[in-house]
Amino acid sequence: MNLKEIHSVFFLGIGGIGMSALARWFKHKGYAVSGYDRTASPLTDELQNEGIPVMFEDDSCKLPSSLFDNKDALLVVWTPAVPRDSKLYQFFEREEIQIKKRSEVLGVLSSENYTVAVAGTHGKTTTSSMIAHLLKSANKPVTAFLGGITQNYQSNLLINSSKDKTIMVVEADEFDRSFLRLNPEMEIITSVDPDHLDIYGDESSIVEGFREFVGLLKKKGKLFIQDKALQRLGEPLADKKGISTYGLRASTGIHADNVKAKPGSFVFDYLDGKMQIKGLELFIPGFHNVENALAAIAVALHFELTVEQIKTGLASFRGVKRRFEIHLNEPRKVYVDDYAHHPEEIRACLSSIRAMYPGQKLTVIFQPHLFTRTRDFATGFSESLSLADQVLLLDIYPARELPIPGVNSEMLLESIQADKKMTVAKEKLFEVLESLQPEVLVTMGAGDIDRLVPKVKLWISEMSNSTEQGV
């Protein structure tokens, strides 16, 4: 695939977070970009406002005729979220038009640039966004393809505006083994936990996938790996050069000290055996985000950022939408929304909230994501959700899956150890919330629960006004 010979790019599944970042990059580089998605969303609305046409009908007759002015110069970028039996996919295949997965295109770009690839079953979006922000705020030439919308830039793409050769920060996704297409000079692995078992089959296969990812690292490359992730991948890696471990434990090479949870932020010191940076403040809270920050700081030091640049950059980082996003932070009136959809992510988020708001009643609204994930990790979900005082379970969000008999939200209830626990339909949610009167409220999940966020904020506001007026 030679991008210099491409004139037009069509995205099958353009509304996906990774696909849209790549579409924006091609648009910025002067290519004619268009795409298809099944439904409109705020992200497809933004793309259309940026001048990228998006169609919502799976019908080849609706394709713009200009696409076929030169079929040899047309590239179709495809995500497996769009099935191969899609009429558009079938049409492009019949017409023998070049179809490449998003991961393949990113692989080409990564081979042309110094690439920092951030992988992990949890934490990669926040960590890659934090690295990109630290580099950009220090005026380093950085281009970043991210798996979330950054609060600082309101985008999932950062573009290098200088003529210097870019540092390319890429979120390396393990789903569908996409990260094995990359060509990194530097890797960060934030975690290696069982996930995507519908793709990998079992835990040993996903571990092997991450080992293959490490094997992609160039000869003089650098790997920063979370200490527990290194243990999962096994001792052979520990003997390799260019590997640094990080974590919250003092026994780890790169670690944090004097970690203090405050309402709305975490304060900590960075230590790596040679360098110590005291009094760092991170305004995206959570013990897991302190750990993510350790990796980002280590990368920043590799690129010779000063201590002051790191402290300033970290303090100005506002996180990623739906990653521990605090919407309200007042006494006895706290609302947090988070993308957590794996037991370990839920555990990390809720344990951090407990530390930030000790003694306050914690209520969680959780929407399980995928039937297979709910089935495979039912015990873990119940255990991690037990950190809350009150748990409300919405129906499972199916995404790309068909229902599995016997797999539903109710199967999690029995093992959840909370004062109150129940399944609830979306239309009854606010009625139930009114009876519970939450003090610290958290919405969680990777499905469409984010569409409830504005309604939850409005409900809290209306309840507060009613209380103040004595209604």
Protein backbone atom coordinates (compact mmCIF):
# COMPACT_ATOMS: atom_id res chain seq x y z
CA MET A 1 0.00 0.00 0.00
CA ASN A 2 1.50 3.30 -1.14
CA LEU A 3 -0.36 6.28 0.32
CA LYS A 4 1.24 8.58 -2.25
CA GLU A 5 -0.82 6.84 -4.94
CA ILE A 6 -4.11 7.31 -3.03
CA HIS A 7 -6.43 10.23 -3.75
CA SER A 8 -9.70 9.28 -2.01
CA VAL A 9 -10.31 7.38 1.23
CA PHE A 10 -13.67 5.87 2.24
CA PHE A 11 -14.16 4.66 5.83
CA LEU A 12 -16.49 1.74 6.55
CA GLY A 13 -17.42 2.47 10.17
CA ILE A 14 -16.21 6.08 10.25
CA GLY A 15 -18.03 6.84 13.51
CA GLY A 16 -15.72 4.62 15.57
CA ILE A 17 -13.32 6.46 17.84
CA GLY A 18 -10.19 5.06 16.16
CA MET A 19 -11.58 5.27 12.63
CA SER A 20 -12.62 8.90 13.03
CA ALA A 21 -9.12 9.90 14.20
CA LEU A 22 -7.63 8.32 11.09
CA ALA A 23 -10.26 9.97 8.89
CA ARG A 24 -9.37 13.35 10.37
CA TRP A 25 -5.68 12.73 9.67
CA PHE A 26 -6.35 11.93 6.00
CA LYS A 27 -8.57 15.01 5.71
CA HIS A 28 -5.80 17.17 7.22
CA LYS A 29 -3.32 15.74 4.71
CA GLY A 30 -5.50 16.78 1.77
CA TYR A 31 -7.15 13.49 0.79
CA ALA A 32 -10.80 13.37 -0.27
CA VAL A 33 -12.41 11.65 2.74
CA SER A 34 -15.91 10.25 3.20
CA GLY A 35 -17.48 7.34 5.06
CA TYR A 36 -20.34 5.22 6.25
CA ASP A 37 -21.74 4.36 9.66
CA ARG A 38 -24.88 2.61 10.80
CA THR A 39 -26.22 5.46 12.94
CA ALA A 40 -25.58 9.14 13.43
CA SER A 41 -23.76 10.18 16.61
CA PRO A 42 -22.16 13.31 18.06
CA LEU A 43 -18.88 12.12 16.50
CA THR A 44 -20.34 11.71 13.00
CA ASP A 45 -21.96 15.14 13.42
CA GLU A 46 -18.53 16.61 14.17
CA LEU A 47 -16.98 14.90 11.15
CA GLN A 48 -19.69 16.30 8.89
CA ASN A 49 -19.15 19.78 10.36
CA GLU A 50 -15.45 19.38 9.51
CA GLY A 51 -16.33 18.74 5.86
CA ILE A 52 -16.28 14.94 5.82
CA PRO A 53 -19.44 13.50 4.17
CA VAL A 54 -21.00 10.60 6.11
CA MET A 55 -23.75 8.30 4.79
CA PHE A 56 -25.97 6.11 6.99
CA GLU A 57 -27.46 3.71 4.44
CA ASP A 58 -25.74 0.41 3.67
CA ASP A 59 -26.40 0.89 -0.03
CA SER A 60 -23.77 1.17 -2.77
CA CYS A 61 -26.20 3.21 -4.89
CA LYS A 62 -25.83 6.03 -2.34
CA LEU A 63 -22.06 6.28 -2.76
CA PRO A 64 -20.81 9.54 -4.29
CA SER A 65 -19.93 9.00 -7.96
CA SER A 66 -16.72 11.00 -7.54
CA LEU A 67 -15.28 8.06 -5.57
CA PHE A 68 -14.90 6.10 -8.78
CA ASP A 69 -13.19 8.72 -10.95
CA ASN A 70 -10.03 6.66 -10.44
CA LYS A 71 -10.66 3.34 -8.69
CA ASP A 72 -6.95 2.61 -8.41
CA ALA A 73 -6.53 5.75 -6.31
CA LEU A 74 -9.35 4.78 -3.89
CA LEU A 75 -8.61 3.23 -0.51
CA VAL A 76 -11.34 1.74 1.68
CA VAL A 77 -10.48 1.61 5.38
CA TRP A 78 -12.53 -0.99 7.21
CA THR A 79 -13.23 -1.86 10.84
CA PRO A 80 -14.52 -5.32 11.85
CA ALA A 81 -17.33 -3.49 13.67
CA VAL A 82 -18.92 -3.41 10.20
CA PRO A 83 -19.63 -7.05 9.23
CA ARG A 84 -18.23 -8.52 6.03
CA ASP A 85 -21.77 -9.20 4.81
CA SER A 86 -22.40 -5.44 4.70
CA LYS A 87 -23.66 -4.48 1.25
CA LEU A 88 -21.01 -1.78 0.99
CA TYR A 89 -18.21 -4.16 1.94
CA GLN A 90 -19.46 -6.72 -0.55
CA PHE A 91 -19.66 -4.03 -3.25
CA PHE A 92 -16.11 -2.78 -2.72
CA GLU A 93 -14.84 -6.36 -2.71
CA ARG A 94 -16.64 -7.17 -6.00
CA GLU A 95 -15.22 -4.03 -7.57
CA GLU A 96 -11.73 -5.13 -6.47
CA ILE A 97 -11.14 -1.86 -4.66
CA GLN A 98 -8.31 -1.88 -2.14
CA ILE A 99 -9.70 -2.62 1.36
CA LYS A 100 -7.43 -2.32 4.37
CA LYS A 101 -8.12 -2.61 8.08
CA ARG A 102 -7.54 0.51 10.16
CA SER A 103 -4.71 -1.34 11.91
CA GLU A 104 -2.95 -1.97 8.60
CA VAL A 105 -3.08 1.73 7.68
CA LEU A 106 -1.77 2.71 11.12
CA GLY A 107 0.98 0.16 10.62
CA VAL A 108 2.09 1.94 7.45
CA LEU A 109 2.10 5.32 9.21
CA SER A 110 4.01 3.92 12.18
CA SER A 111 6.75 2.57 9.91
CA GLU A 112 7.29 6.08 8.55
CA ASN A 113 7.56 7.84 11.93
CA TYR A 114 9.13 7.44 15.38
CA THR A 115 6.26 5.58 17.03
CA VAL A 116 5.32 5.37 20.70
CA ALA A 117 2.74 2.58 21.01
CA VAL A 118 0.65 2.40 24.17
CA ALA A 119 -0.99 -0.97 24.81
CA GLY A 120 -2.87 -2.58 27.69
CA THR A 121 -6.24 -4.05 28.51
CA HIS A 122 -6.89 -0.97 30.68
CA GLY A 123 -5.37 2.51 30.85
CA LYS A 124 -4.07 2.88 27.30
CA THR A 125 -6.39 5.74 26.29
CA THR A 126 -5.57 7.89 29.31
CA THR A 127 -1.85 7.07 29.18
CA SER A 128 -1.47 7.76 25.45
CA SER A 129 -3.45 11.01 25.81
CA MET A 130 -1.30 12.06 28.76
CA ILE A 131 1.94 11.34 26.86
CA ALA A 132 0.68 13.28 23.85
CA HIS A 133 -0.32 16.23 26.04
CA LEU A 134 3.01 16.37 27.88
CA LEU A 135 4.90 16.36 24.58
CA LYS A 136 2.63 18.92 22.93
CA SER A 137 2.62 21.28 25.92
CA ALA A 138 6.45 21.18 25.80
CA ASN A 139 6.35 22.06 22.06
CA LYS A 140 7.61 18.69 20.91
CA PRO A 141 6.54 17.65 17.37
CA VAL A 142 3.79 15.12 18.15
CA THR A 143 1.00 13.46 16.19
CA ALA A 144 -1.36 11.27 18.23
CA PHE A 145 -4.08 8.78 17.31
CA LEU A 146 -6.13 8.35 20.47
CA GLY A 147 -8.99 6.11 21.58
CA GLY A 148 -10.95 8.87 23.27
CA ILE A 149 -11.81 12.56 23.07
CA THR A 150 -9.28 14.56 25.07
CA GLN A 151 -10.67 17.32 27.25
CA ASN A 152 -7.72 19.59 26.45
CA TYR A 153 -8.13 19.43 22.66
CA GLN A 154 -11.71 18.16 22.24
CA SER A 155 -10.41 15.67 19.70
CA ASN A 156 -9.05 12.14 19.31
CA LEU A 157 -6.31 13.40 16.98
CA LEU A 158 -3.35 15.68 17.59
CA ILE A 159 -1.47 16.95 14.54
CA ASN A 160 2.17 17.99 14.38
CA SER A 161 2.11 21.54 13.05
CA SER A 162 5.90 21.89 12.76
CA LYS A 163 8.13 20.66 9.93
CA ASP A 164 10.19 18.54 12.32
CA LYS A 165 9.89 14.77 12.06
CA THR A 166 6.95 13.80 14.21
CA ILE A 167 6.78 11.64 17.31
CA MET A 168 3.73 9.48 16.63
CA VAL A 169 1.80 8.40 19.74
CA VAL A 170 -0.59 5.55 18.97
CA GLU A 171 -3.10 3.75 21.13
CA ALA A 172 -2.25 0.12 20.38
CA ASP A 173 -5.48 -1.86 20.59
CA GLU A 174 -5.30 -5.58 21.40
CA PHE A 175 -8.83 -6.19 20.05
CA ASP A 176 -8.67 -8.31 16.88
CA ARG A 177 -4.87 -8.35 17.42
CA SER A 178 -4.70 -4.92 15.78
CA PHE A 179 -1.59 -3.87 17.73
CA LEU A 180 0.48 -6.51 15.95
CA ARG A 181 0.45 -4.36 12.78
CA LEU A 182 2.50 -1.56 14.34
CA ASN A 183 6.22 -0.78 14.03
CA PRO A 184 7.13 0.90 17.33
CA GLU A 185 10.41 2.35 18.59
CA MET A 186 8.91 2.64 22.07
CA GLU A 187 6.19 0.65 23.82
CA ILE A 188 4.20 1.15 26.99
CA ILE A 189 2.15 -1.73 28.41
CA THR A 190 -0.24 -0.58 31.12
CA SER A 191 -1.88 -3.92 31.98
CA VAL A 192 -2.37 -7.47 30.75
CA ASP A 193 -5.64 -8.94 32.03
CA PRO A 194 -7.98 -11.46 30.43
CA ASP A 195 -10.34 -9.69 27.99
CA HIS A 196 -11.69 -10.11 24.46
CA LEU A 197 -11.91 -13.85 25.04
CA ASP A 198 -14.31 -13.96 22.08
CA ILE A 199 -11.22 -13.15 19.98
CA TYR A 200 -8.40 -14.86 21.90
CA GLY A 201 -10.23 -17.84 23.39
CA ASP A 202 -8.37 -17.98 26.70
CA GLU A 203 -6.04 -16.03 28.97
CA SER A 204 -2.87 -17.72 27.72
CA SER A 205 -3.63 -16.57 24.16
CA ILE A 206 -3.99 -12.92 25.12
CA VAL A 207 -0.73 -13.15 27.10
CA GLU A 208 0.94 -14.59 24.00
CA GLY A 209 -0.52 -11.73 21.95
CA PHE A 210 1.17 -9.20 24.22
CA ARG A 211 4.44 -11.12 24.02
CA GLU A 212 4.21 -10.87 20.23
CA PHE A 213 3.60 -7.14 20.62
CA VAL A 214 6.81 -6.79 22.65
CA GLY A 215 8.57 -8.76 19.92
CA LEU A 216 7.73 -5.98 17.43
CA LEU A 217 9.93 -3.53 19.31
CA LYS A 218 12.89 -2.40 17.27
CA LYS A 219 16.37 -3.56 18.30
CA LYS A 220 17.31 -0.48 20.32
CA GLY A 221 13.74 0.22 21.36
CA LYS A 222 12.46 1.04 24.84
CA LEU A 223 9.67 -0.67 26.80
CA PHE A 224 7.96 0.75 29.88
CA ILE A 225 5.79 -1.96 31.42
CA GLN A 226 3.59 -1.99 34.51
CA ASP A 227 5.06 -4.35 37.11
CA LYS A 228 2.10 -6.76 37.32
CA ALA A 229 1.91 -6.87 33.51
CA LEU A 230 5.55 -7.94 33.38
CA GLN A 231 4.80 -10.74 35.84
CA ARG A 232 1.98 -11.95 33.58
CA LEU A 233 4.17 -11.96 30.49
CA GLY A 234 6.84 -13.98 32.28
CA GLU A 235 10.49 -13.97 33.21
CA PRO A 236 12.02 -14.13 29.69
CA LEU A 237 11.16 -10.45 29.23
CA ALA A 238 12.76 -9.42 32.49
CA ASP A 239 16.23 -10.24 31.17
CA LYS A 240 15.96 -8.07 28.07
CA LYS A 241 17.65 -4.71 27.75
CA GLY A 242 15.63 -1.54 27.33
CA ILE A 243 12.88 -2.61 29.74
CA SER A 244 11.78 -0.45 32.68
CA THR A 245 9.00 -1.39 35.09
CA TYR A 246 6.64 1.02 36.79
CA GLY A 247 3.93 0.79 39.44
CA LEU A 248 2.68 2.03 42.77
CA ARG A 249 4.80 -0.37 44.80
CA ALA A 250 8.08 0.97 46.18
CA SER A 251 9.86 -2.21 45.03
CA THR A 252 9.20 -1.28 41.41
CA GLY A 253 11.86 0.58 39.40
CA ILE A 254 9.68 3.60 38.55
CA HIS A 255 7.21 4.25 41.35
CA ALA A 256 5.16 6.82 43.23
CA ASP A 257 5.64 7.97 46.82
CA ASN A 258 3.60 10.13 49.19
CA VAL A 259 0.38 9.50 47.24
CA LYS A 260 -2.50 11.53 48.67
CA ALA A 261 -6.11 11.47 47.50
CA LYS A 262 -7.91 14.82 47.51
CA PRO A 263 -11.43 15.64 46.31
CA GLY A 264 -10.76 16.22 42.62
CA SER A 265 -7.04 15.41 42.41
CA PHE A 266 -4.17 13.17 43.51
CA VAL A 267 -0.77 14.42 44.72
CA PHE A 268 2.37 12.26 44.52
CA ASP A 269 6.14 12.11 44.02
CA TYR A 270 7.84 10.39 41.05
CA LEU A 271 10.96 8.26 41.64
CA ASP A 272 12.94 6.11 39.22
CA GLY A 273 16.23 5.50 41.05
CA LYS A 274 17.94 8.45 39.34
CA MET A 275 15.30 11.17 39.21
CA GLN A 276 12.88 12.39 41.87
CA ILE A 277 10.08 14.85 41.13
CA LYS A 278 8.19 15.99 44.21
CA GLY A 279 4.72 17.47 44.58
CA LEU A 280 3.16 16.44 41.27
CA GLU A 281 -0.58 17.08 41.11
CA LEU A 282 -2.90 15.21 38.78
CA PHE A 283 -6.43 16.53 38.26
CA ILE A 284 -7.77 13.31 36.82
CA PRO A 285 -8.07 11.38 40.07
CA GLY A 286 -7.51 7.73 40.80
CA PHE A 287 -4.68 5.48 41.96
CA HIS A 288 -4.73 3.90 38.50
CA ASN A 289 -4.25 7.33 36.91
CA VAL A 290 -1.25 8.00 39.15
CA GLU A 291 0.18 4.77 37.76
CA ASN A 292 -0.63 5.89 34.20
CA ALA A 293 1.11 9.19 34.96
CA LEU A 294 4.28 7.36 36.01
CA ALA A 295 4.54 5.85 32.53
CA ALA A 296 3.82 9.19 30.86
CA ILE A 297 6.46 10.96 32.95
CA ALA A 298 9.04 8.27 32.13
CA VAL A 299 8.36 8.80 28.41
CA ALA A 300 8.56 12.58 28.85
CA LEU A 301 11.96 12.25 30.54
CA HIS A 302 13.14 10.05 27.66
CA PHE A 303 12.29 12.93 25.30
CA GLU A 304 14.21 15.32 27.59
CA LEU A 305 11.34 17.34 29.01
CA THR A 306 12.38 19.40 32.03
CA VAL A 307 10.94 18.86 35.50
CA GLU A 308 9.05 22.13 35.21
CA GLN A 309 7.58 21.16 31.84
CA ILE A 310 6.43 17.84 33.30
CA LYS A 311 4.87 19.41 36.41
CA THR A 312 3.12 22.09 34.37
CA GLY A 313 1.97 19.66 31.68
CA LEU A 314 0.64 17.13 34.18
CA ALA A 315 -1.25 19.77 36.18
CA SER A 316 -2.86 21.11 32.99
CA PHE A 317 -3.97 17.68 31.72
CA ARG A 318 -7.76 17.45 31.92
CA GLY A 319 -8.13 13.84 30.91
CA VAL A 320 -10.31 12.07 28.40
CA LYS A 321 -14.07 12.15 28.14
CA ARG A 322 -15.64 9.29 30.06
CA ARG A 323 -12.41 8.36 31.84
CA PHE A 324 -13.04 9.23 35.50
CA GLU A 325 -14.86 12.34 34.31
CA ILE A 326 -16.07 14.38 37.28
CA HIS A 327 -19.24 16.26 36.34
CA LEU A 328 -20.12 17.49 39.82
CA ASN A 329 -17.93 17.82 42.90
CA GLU A 330 -19.72 19.41 45.84
CA PRO A 331 -20.22 18.28 49.45
CA ARG A 332 -22.65 15.34 49.46
CA LYS A 333 -23.31 15.90 45.76
CA VAL A 334 -20.73 14.18 43.53
CA TYR A 335 -21.24 12.73 40.07
CA VAL A 336 -18.58 10.78 38.13
CA ASP A 337 -18.92 9.08 34.74
CA ASP A 338 -16.47 6.39 33.65
CA TYR A 339 -15.94 4.07 30.67
CA ALA A 340 -15.08 1.10 32.92
CA HIS A 341 -16.36 -2.15 31.42
CA HIS A 342 -13.99 -4.76 32.90
CA PRO A 343 -13.88 -5.91 36.55
CA GLU A 344 -10.36 -4.55 37.08
CA GLU A 345 -11.34 -1.14 35.69
CA ILE A 346 -14.38 -1.01 37.96
CA ARG A 347 -12.25 -1.99 40.95
CA ALA A 348 -9.67 0.71 40.19
CA CYS A 349 -12.28 3.42 39.76
CA LEU A 350 -14.43 2.60 42.80
CA SER A 351 -11.49 2.09 45.17
CA SER A 352 -10.17 5.52 44.16
CA ILE A 353 -13.57 7.12 44.72
CA ARG A 354 -13.72 5.50 48.15
CA ALA A 355 -10.37 7.11 49.01
CA MET A 356 -11.49 10.51 47.72
CA TYR A 357 -14.86 10.57 49.45
CA PRO A 358 -14.52 8.45 52.61
CA GLY A 359 -17.69 7.83 54.57
CA GLN A 360 -20.05 8.93 51.81
CA LYS A 361 -22.73 6.67 50.31
CA LEU A 362 -21.58 5.38 46.92
CA THR A 363 -24.17 4.52 44.28
CA VAL A 364 -23.19 2.91 40.96
CA ILE A 365 -25.24 2.58 37.77
CA PHE A 366 -23.54 -0.05 35.62
CA GLN A 367 -24.34 -1.12 32.06
CA PRO A 368 -22.57 -4.42 31.23
CA HIS A 369 -20.94 -4.45 27.79
CA LEU A 370 -21.16 -7.61 25.64
CA PHE A 371 -22.84 -10.90 26.51
CA THR A 372 -19.55 -12.80 26.25
CA ARG A 373 -17.71 -10.45 28.61
CA THR A 374 -20.54 -10.60 31.14
CA ARG A 375 -20.53 -14.40 30.97
CA ASP A 376 -16.75 -14.76 31.14
CA PHE A 377 -16.19 -12.34 34.03
CA ALA A 378 -19.46 -12.58 36.00
CA THR A 379 -17.70 -13.35 39.30
CA GLY A 380 -15.24 -10.51 38.84
CA PHE A 381 -17.99 -8.02 38.01
CA SER A 382 -19.93 -8.96 41.14
CA GLU A 383 -16.83 -8.66 43.34
CA SER A 384 -15.74 -5.27 42.00
CA LEU A 385 -19.26 -3.80 42.09
CA SER A 386 -19.45 -4.85 45.76
CA LEU A 387 -17.23 -1.84 46.54
CA ALA A 388 -20.38 0.29 46.19
CA ASP A 389 -23.17 0.72 48.74
CA GLN A 390 -25.91 0.70 46.12
CA VAL A 391 -25.76 -0.96 42.68
CA LEU A 392 -28.18 -0.47 39.80
CA LEU A 393 -27.70 -2.74 36.78
CA LEU A 394 -28.98 -1.80 33.33
CA ASP A 395 -29.52 -4.35 30.58
CA ILE A 396 -26.44 -5.68 28.77
CA TYR A 397 -25.33 -3.56 25.81
CA PRO A 398 -24.87 -6.09 22.98
CA ALA A 399 -22.71 -4.06 20.56
CA ARG A 400 -21.60 -6.52 17.89
CA GLU A 401 -23.06 -9.63 19.61
CA LEU A 402 -26.27 -11.64 19.55
CA PRO A 403 -27.89 -12.61 22.88
CA ILE A 404 -26.63 -15.71 24.70
CA PRO A 405 -29.33 -17.76 26.50
CA GLY A 406 -29.11 -17.33 30.27
CA VAL A 407 -26.65 -14.43 30.11
CA ASN A 408 -28.15 -11.19 31.48
CA SER A 409 -27.59 -8.53 34.11
CA GLU A 410 -29.58 -10.47 36.70
CA MET A 411 -26.89 -13.16 36.82
CA LEU A 412 -24.55 -10.68 38.57
CA LEU A 413 -26.96 -9.74 41.37
CA GLU A 414 -26.73 -12.69 43.73
CA SER A 415 -22.98 -12.34 44.37
CA ILE A 416 -22.92 -8.54 44.69
CA GLN A 417 -22.34 -7.64 48.34
CA ALA A 418 -24.00 -4.22 48.58
CA ASP A 419 -26.61 -2.71 50.90
CA LYS A 420 -28.98 -2.35 47.97
CA LYS A 421 -28.79 -3.97 44.54
CA MET A 422 -31.26 -4.31 41.70
CA THR A 423 -31.73 -4.37 37.95
CA VAL A 424 -33.52 -1.37 36.53
CA ALA A 425 -34.93 -0.35 33.16
CA LYS A 426 -33.70 2.99 31.80
CA GLU A 427 -37.20 4.45 31.87
CA LYS A 428 -37.46 3.70 35.62
CA LEU A 429 -33.96 4.86 36.51
CA PHE A 430 -34.72 8.31 37.90
CA GLU A 431 -37.66 7.06 39.88
CA VAL A 432 -35.33 4.58 41.59
CA LEU A 433 -32.58 7.18 42.07
CA GLU A 434 -35.04 9.47 43.81
CA SER A 435 -35.78 6.75 46.35
CA LEU A 436 -32.06 6.07 46.95
CA GLN A 437 -30.87 9.69 47.33
CA PRO A 438 -27.21 9.05 46.32
CA GLU A 439 -24.40 11.17 47.75
CA VAL A 440 -21.66 10.00 45.36
CA LEU A 441 -23.12 8.76 42.07
CA VAL A 442 -21.16 6.92 39.36
CA THR A 443 -22.32 5.83 35.90
CA MET A 444 -20.19 3.11 34.30
CA GLY A 445 -20.02 1.19 31.06
CA ALA A 446 -18.82 1.18 27.45
CA GLY A 447 -22.22 0.95 25.75
CA ASP A 448 -24.69 3.79 25.29
CA ILE A 449 -24.89 4.71 28.98
CA ASP A 450 -23.05 7.93 28.08
CA ARG A 451 -26.32 9.17 26.56
CA LEU A 452 -27.77 9.21 30.09
CA VAL A 453 -25.09 11.59 31.39
CA PRO A 454 -26.87 14.87 30.46
CA LYS A 455 -30.12 13.53 31.92
CA VAL A 456 -28.39 12.52 35.15
CA LYS A 457 -26.80 15.96 35.48
CA LEU A 458 -30.19 17.60 34.89
CA TRP A 459 -31.84 15.33 37.45
CA ILE A 460 -29.23 16.18 40.10
CA SER A 461 -29.66 19.89 39.37
CA GLU A 462 -33.45 19.69 39.64
CA MET A 463 -33.25 17.66 42.85
CA SER A 464 -30.84 20.22 44.34
CA ASN A 465 -33.14 23.10 43.41
CA SER A 466 -36.13 21.31 44.93
CA THR A 467 -34.21 20.70 48.15
CA GLU A 468 -33.06 24.32 48.37
CA GLN A 469 -36.61 25.54 47.84
CA GLY A 470 -37.96 23.12 50.42
CA VAL A 471 -40.12 21.26 47.95
